[in-house]
Protein backbone atom coordinates (compact mmCIF):
# COMPACT_ATOMS: atom_id res chain seq x y z
CA MET A 1 -117.17 297.82 -143.42
CA ARG A 2 -120.36 298.75 -145.82
CA ALA A 3 -117.77 300.43 -148.01
CA LEU A 4 -115.66 297.61 -148.12
CA GLN A 5 -118.28 295.02 -149.21
CA ARG A 6 -119.19 298.02 -151.98
CA PHE A 7 -115.43 298.18 -153.08
CA SER A 8 -115.39 294.06 -152.93
CA GLN A 9 -118.43 294.36 -155.13
CA SER A 10 -117.68 297.10 -157.90
CA ARG A 11 -114.04 296.58 -158.09
CA ARG A 12 -114.01 292.60 -159.08
CA PRO A 13 -112.69 291.76 -162.24
CA SER A 14 -114.82 290.64 -165.10
CA ALA A 15 -113.85 286.62 -164.03
CA TYR A 16 -115.02 287.38 -160.55
CA ARG A 17 -117.79 288.47 -161.25
CA SER A 18 -119.02 286.04 -163.49
CA PHE A 19 -118.11 283.16 -160.53
CA ALA A 20 -119.89 285.88 -157.94
CA ALA A 21 -122.96 285.34 -160.17
CA SER A 22 -123.16 281.73 -160.64
CA PRO A 23 -125.48 280.01 -158.44
CA VAL A 24 -122.59 278.39 -156.26
CA LEU A 25 -121.86 281.17 -155.02
CA ARG A 26 -125.41 282.43 -155.05
CA ARG A 27 -127.01 279.56 -153.28
CA PRO A 28 -123.72 278.57 -150.74
CA CYS A 29 -126.25 276.22 -148.21
CA SER A 30 -127.40 274.54 -150.96
CA HIS A 31 -124.80 274.03 -153.88
CA ALA A 32 -121.60 272.35 -154.74
CA SER A 33 -118.19 273.04 -154.64
CA GLY A 34 -116.72 274.38 -158.31
CA THR A 35 -114.07 271.50 -157.98
CA GLY A 36 -115.29 269.13 -155.68
CA GLY A 37 -118.80 266.92 -155.65
CA GLY A 38 -119.04 263.23 -155.57
CA GLY A 39 -120.08 260.89 -157.94
CA GLY A 40 -123.86 260.73 -157.91
CA ARG A 41 -125.52 263.98 -157.21
CA PRO A 42 -123.77 266.40 -156.08
CA PRO A 43 -123.40 267.45 -152.66
CA GLY A 44 -126.20 270.60 -152.92
CA ALA A 45 -128.39 267.47 -153.99
CA GLN A 46 -127.73 265.29 -151.28
CA MET A 47 -128.14 268.04 -148.50
CA GLU A 48 -132.00 269.23 -149.89
CA ALA A 49 -132.83 265.22 -150.19
CA ALA A 50 -131.34 265.24 -146.50
CA THR A 51 -133.18 268.14 -145.27
CA ALA A 52 -136.61 266.71 -147.23
CA GLU A 53 -136.51 263.79 -145.00
CA LEU A 54 -136.12 265.47 -142.00
CA SER A 55 -139.02 265.75 -139.39
CA PRO A 56 -141.25 268.60 -139.34
CA SER A 57 -139.73 268.51 -135.26
CA GLU A 58 -136.51 267.90 -136.85
CA SER A 59 -136.34 270.57 -139.49
CA SER A 60 -137.76 273.52 -136.71
CA SER A 61 -135.22 272.70 -134.63
CA PRO A 62 -133.39 275.36 -133.01
CA LEU A 63 -129.47 274.21 -134.74
CA SER A 64 -131.59 274.42 -138.16
CA LYS A 65 -132.60 277.43 -137.67
CA ILE A 66 -129.33 278.78 -136.75
CA TRP A 67 -128.38 277.07 -139.82
CA GLY A 68 -130.55 278.83 -142.06
CA ALA A 69 -130.39 281.87 -140.48
CA TYR A 70 -126.76 282.16 -141.10
CA CYS A 71 -127.01 280.94 -144.62
CA ARG A 72 -129.26 283.71 -145.30
CA GLU A 73 -126.88 286.10 -144.13
CA LEU A 74 -124.70 284.46 -145.85
CA GLU A 75 -126.31 285.27 -149.21
CA LEU A 76 -127.64 289.23 -148.20
CA ARG A 77 -123.84 289.90 -146.41
CA PRO A 78 -121.43 287.60 -147.50
CA LEU A 79 -118.08 289.65 -146.52
CA VAL A 80 -119.80 290.63 -143.30
CA THR A 81 -121.02 287.07 -142.21
CA LYS A 82 -117.46 285.79 -142.79
CA VAL A 83 -116.27 288.76 -140.85
CA TRP A 84 -118.01 288.18 -137.70
CA SER A 85 -118.06 284.69 -137.92
CA THR A 86 -114.47 284.07 -137.94
CA ALA A 87 -114.58 286.68 -135.34
CA LEU A 88 -115.67 284.47 -133.00
CA VAL A 89 -114.33 281.48 -134.08
CA SER A 90 -110.81 282.77 -133.76
CA GLY A 91 -111.44 284.20 -130.53
CA LEU A 92 -113.05 280.43 -129.03
CA GLY A 93 -109.68 279.40 -130.49
CA ASN A 94 -107.78 281.86 -127.47
CA ALA A 95 -110.54 280.85 -125.20
CA ILE A 96 -109.52 276.83 -125.10
CA CYS A 97 -105.12 277.53 -125.86
CA GLN A 98 -105.51 279.67 -122.96
CA ASN A 99 -107.47 276.98 -121.04
CA ILE A 100 -104.54 274.72 -121.60
CA GLU A 101 -102.58 276.51 -120.18
CA ARG A 102 -104.46 277.30 -117.17
CA ARG A 103 -104.43 273.72 -116.95
CA GLN A 104 -100.58 273.39 -118.22
CA ALA A 105 -99.75 275.61 -115.26
CA GLU A 106 -101.89 273.45 -112.41
CA SER A 107 -100.26 270.05 -113.61
CA GLU A 108 -97.07 271.93 -113.12
CA GLY A 109 -98.05 273.43 -109.82
CA ARG A 110 -97.90 277.15 -111.01
CA GLU A 111 -100.04 280.01 -110.28
CA PRO A 112 -103.01 279.61 -113.15
CA LYS A 113 -103.64 282.74 -114.67
CA PRO A 114 -107.45 283.98 -115.08
CA LEU A 115 -108.73 284.54 -118.81
CA ASP A 116 -106.87 287.14 -119.98
CA LEU A 117 -109.99 289.32 -122.39
CA GLU A 118 -107.71 291.52 -123.18
CA ARG A 119 -105.88 288.80 -125.58
CA LEU A 120 -108.99 287.22 -126.19
CA LEU A 121 -110.05 290.30 -127.97
CA VAL A 122 -107.42 291.12 -129.75
CA TYR A 123 -107.24 287.56 -131.37
CA SER A 124 -110.57 287.78 -132.50
CA LEU A 125 -110.29 290.86 -133.97
CA MET A 126 -107.15 289.42 -135.97
CA GLY A 127 -109.53 286.83 -136.76
CA GLY A 128 -112.49 289.07 -138.06
CA LEU A 129 -110.04 292.25 -139.99
CA TYR A 130 -107.98 289.98 -141.31
CA VAL A 131 -108.09 286.89 -141.79
CA GLY A 132 -111.81 286.91 -142.76
CA PRO A 133 -111.63 289.67 -145.47
CA VAL A 134 -108.77 287.56 -146.67
CA LEU A 135 -110.11 284.46 -147.17
CA HIS A 136 -113.03 285.87 -148.64
CA PHE A 137 -111.44 287.39 -151.23
CA TRP A 138 -108.76 283.79 -152.08
CA PHE A 139 -110.94 281.77 -152.21
CA PHE A 140 -111.91 283.08 -155.66
CA ILE A 141 -108.64 282.81 -156.90
CA PRO A 142 -108.61 279.02 -157.24
CA GLU A 143 -111.96 279.03 -159.03
CA TRP A 144 -110.75 281.10 -161.25
CA LEU A 145 -107.57 279.14 -161.65
CA ILE A 146 -109.22 275.72 -162.57
CA ARG A 147 -111.08 277.70 -165.24
CA GLN A 148 -108.16 278.59 -167.29
CA PRO A 149 -107.30 276.65 -170.97
CA GLY A 150 -104.86 273.79 -169.49
CA VAL A 151 -106.84 273.43 -166.01
CA LYS A 152 -110.85 272.87 -166.94
CA GLY A 153 -110.22 269.85 -168.77
CA LEU A 154 -108.39 268.24 -166.06
CA PRO A 155 -110.43 265.59 -163.56
CA LYS A 156 -111.73 267.04 -160.30
CA VAL A 157 -108.61 265.14 -158.85
CA GLY A 158 -106.82 266.97 -161.04
CA LYS A 159 -108.68 270.50 -160.03
CA THR A 160 -108.65 269.67 -156.90
CA ILE A 161 -105.10 269.19 -156.81
CA ALA A 162 -104.46 272.73 -158.80
CA SER A 163 -106.21 274.67 -155.95
CA VAL A 164 -104.95 273.16 -152.68
CA GLY A 165 -101.14 273.57 -154.42
CA ILE A 166 -101.55 277.10 -154.98
CA ASP A 167 -103.04 277.74 -151.72
CA GLN A 168 -100.63 275.19 -149.44
CA THR A 169 -97.46 277.07 -151.39
CA VAL A 170 -98.86 280.27 -151.92
CA LEU A 171 -101.40 281.60 -149.51
CA ALA A 172 -100.42 279.54 -146.48
CA PRO A 173 -96.42 280.46 -146.42
CA ILE A 174 -97.90 284.34 -146.63
CA MET A 175 -101.19 284.71 -144.28
CA ASN A 176 -99.37 282.57 -141.63
CA GLY A 177 -96.43 284.58 -141.46
CA VAL A 178 -98.33 287.72 -141.74
CA ALA A 179 -101.05 286.96 -139.29
CA TYR A 180 -98.21 287.23 -136.65
CA TYR A 181 -97.41 290.59 -137.49
CA ALA A 182 -101.11 291.20 -137.21
CA TYR A 183 -101.55 290.35 -133.96
CA LYS A 184 -99.02 291.77 -132.13
CA LEU A 185 -100.03 295.67 -135.02
CA ILE A 186 -103.71 294.71 -133.20
CA GLY A 187 -102.42 294.04 -130.12
CA VAL A 188 -100.46 297.48 -129.62
CA GLY A 189 -104.07 299.39 -130.79
CA VAL A 190 -105.95 297.54 -128.33
CA ALA A 191 -103.80 298.39 -125.73
CA GLY A 192 -103.70 301.69 -126.08
CA ALA A 193 -107.27 302.13 -126.57
CA ARG A 194 -107.43 300.52 -123.14
CA GLY A 195 -105.37 303.06 -121.57
CA VAL A 196 -107.55 306.01 -122.90
CA LEU A 197 -110.68 304.57 -122.24
CA ARG A 198 -109.00 304.63 -118.23
CA GLY A 199 -108.16 307.87 -118.87
CA ASP A 200 -104.14 307.20 -118.58
CA SER A 201 -102.08 309.94 -119.23
CA ASP A 202 -99.19 308.33 -121.02
CA ALA A 203 -101.79 306.28 -123.06
CA LYS A 204 -103.29 310.03 -124.37
CA THR A 205 -99.31 311.59 -124.43
CA ALA A 206 -99.33 307.30 -126.00
CA LEU A 207 -101.24 309.08 -129.72
CA SER A 208 -98.98 310.97 -130.91
CA LEU A 209 -97.91 310.74 -134.11
CA ARG A 210 -94.31 310.35 -133.18
CA SER A 211 -95.37 307.61 -130.77
CA VAL A 212 -97.30 305.70 -133.16
CA SER A 213 -94.78 305.31 -134.83
CA GLN A 214 -92.12 304.22 -132.70
CA GLY A 215 -94.90 301.74 -131.26
CA VAL A 216 -95.68 300.08 -134.54
CA THR A 217 -91.69 300.01 -135.50
CA ASP A 218 -91.57 298.07 -131.81
CA ALA A 219 -94.22 295.57 -132.39
CA VAL A 220 -92.47 294.75 -135.95
CA ASN A 221 -89.63 294.16 -134.70
CA GLU A 222 -90.47 292.44 -132.10
CA THR A 223 -92.59 290.13 -134.68
CA THR A 224 -89.43 289.84 -137.06
CA GLU A 225 -86.81 288.54 -134.13
CA LEU A 226 -89.52 286.04 -132.78
CA LEU A 227 -90.53 284.41 -136.45
CA LYS A 228 -86.88 284.31 -136.63
CA THR A 229 -87.19 280.80 -133.97
CA GLU A 230 -91.03 280.43 -134.04
CA TYR A 231 -91.60 280.47 -137.94
CA VAL A 232 -89.98 277.31 -139.49
CA PRO A 233 -92.01 275.01 -136.48
CA MET A 234 -95.30 276.74 -136.95
CA MET A 235 -94.86 275.92 -140.63
CA LYS A 236 -94.23 272.32 -140.09
CA MET A 237 -97.24 272.22 -138.04
CA GLN A 238 -99.48 273.98 -140.56
CA TYR A 239 -98.16 271.48 -143.14
CA THR A 240 -99.49 268.24 -140.73
CA ILE A 241 -102.76 269.93 -140.66
CA TRP A 242 -103.71 272.02 -143.72
CA PRO A 243 -103.12 270.21 -146.34
CA LEU A 244 -105.54 267.69 -145.91
CA ALA A 245 -108.19 269.57 -144.73
CA ALA A 246 -107.75 272.08 -147.77
CA VAL A 247 -108.05 268.43 -150.20
CA ILE A 248 -111.31 268.02 -148.71
CA ASN A 249 -112.60 271.93 -148.46
CA TYR A 250 -112.06 272.24 -151.69
CA SER A 251 -113.47 269.07 -153.22
CA PHE A 252 -116.35 268.84 -151.04
CA VAL A 253 -117.59 272.65 -149.64
CA PRO A 254 -119.34 275.35 -151.51
CA VAL A 255 -117.17 278.40 -152.16
CA ASP A 256 -118.92 280.63 -149.87
CA LEU A 257 -118.97 278.01 -147.32
CA ARG A 258 -115.10 277.60 -147.76
CA VAL A 259 -114.41 280.25 -144.77
CA LEU A 260 -116.48 279.09 -142.72
CA PHE A 261 -114.70 275.18 -142.83
CA VAL A 262 -111.95 276.91 -142.43
CA SER A 263 -112.83 279.19 -139.54
CA ALA A 264 -114.28 275.56 -137.49
CA MET A 265 -110.74 273.70 -138.52
CA SER A 266 -108.87 277.03 -137.38
CA VAL A 267 -110.00 276.18 -133.50
CA ILE A 268 -107.42 273.88 -132.68
CA TRP A 269 -105.59 276.13 -135.28
CA SER A 270 -105.46 278.84 -133.62
CA ALA A 271 -105.19 277.57 -130.45
CA TYR A 272 -101.54 276.60 -130.99
CA LEU A 273 -100.86 279.96 -133.13
CA SER A 274 -102.49 281.96 -130.27
CA GLY A 275 -99.87 279.97 -127.48
CA SER A 276 -96.46 280.03 -130.21
CA VAL A 277 -97.32 284.45 -130.66
CA ASN A 278 -97.48 284.42 -126.93
CA LYS A 279 -94.33 283.24 -125.74
């Protein structure tokens, strides 16, 4: 993970590095986003003013301490912090989904299934290994876009529309489709690791290069067939939730807090998606 973080810092293009050096990115918990803001004081100033008005007991509350610790980690280790926070939220979404499934089973007179910890782990890993890193790097692309000639001079509303447009027409279709493959492949890996830890001879044999290759091929083929029936309904659901969330995200949320915002919104979305990929 440290190697990945060093890579992300050393291999960024010059435009990317210039954004990373800006106060917006260095002070994510107290500065406004590049595209948003709002009349009067920027959101960062509003946050600082609101914090200053808190009483000593309120400013030292457990929630305030947790938020402060998260902001410090986000400034010191942005990629790692987004990885583990996205993993936690993805797991939460899956746990909610499984709870909904149990309640549905009970209401229909069926035997409810116990909490599937392996499924929860797979979805958490997908959030940490796939969603978090991808979004970490993605959110700098709209920031680069709004600084280009022809877009730079647009009002804030125009910049937000441009950011949301590229987000929903480029990122969303690709990322949601790949998420199905990521879930299935990570599931294959977790199942194999579980078997090895239990000492299953079949699982150890399955770790051979040929068996791993066949397992990956089968997982990809199964996912491709699943997407033939699930992709369009999933994207329709996506466009009922995420465009508005993207408008809020690009209008008011600082760049380094956008992954956290998406993670919070994705509690609902991941509950839907994790149920869909398990059909």
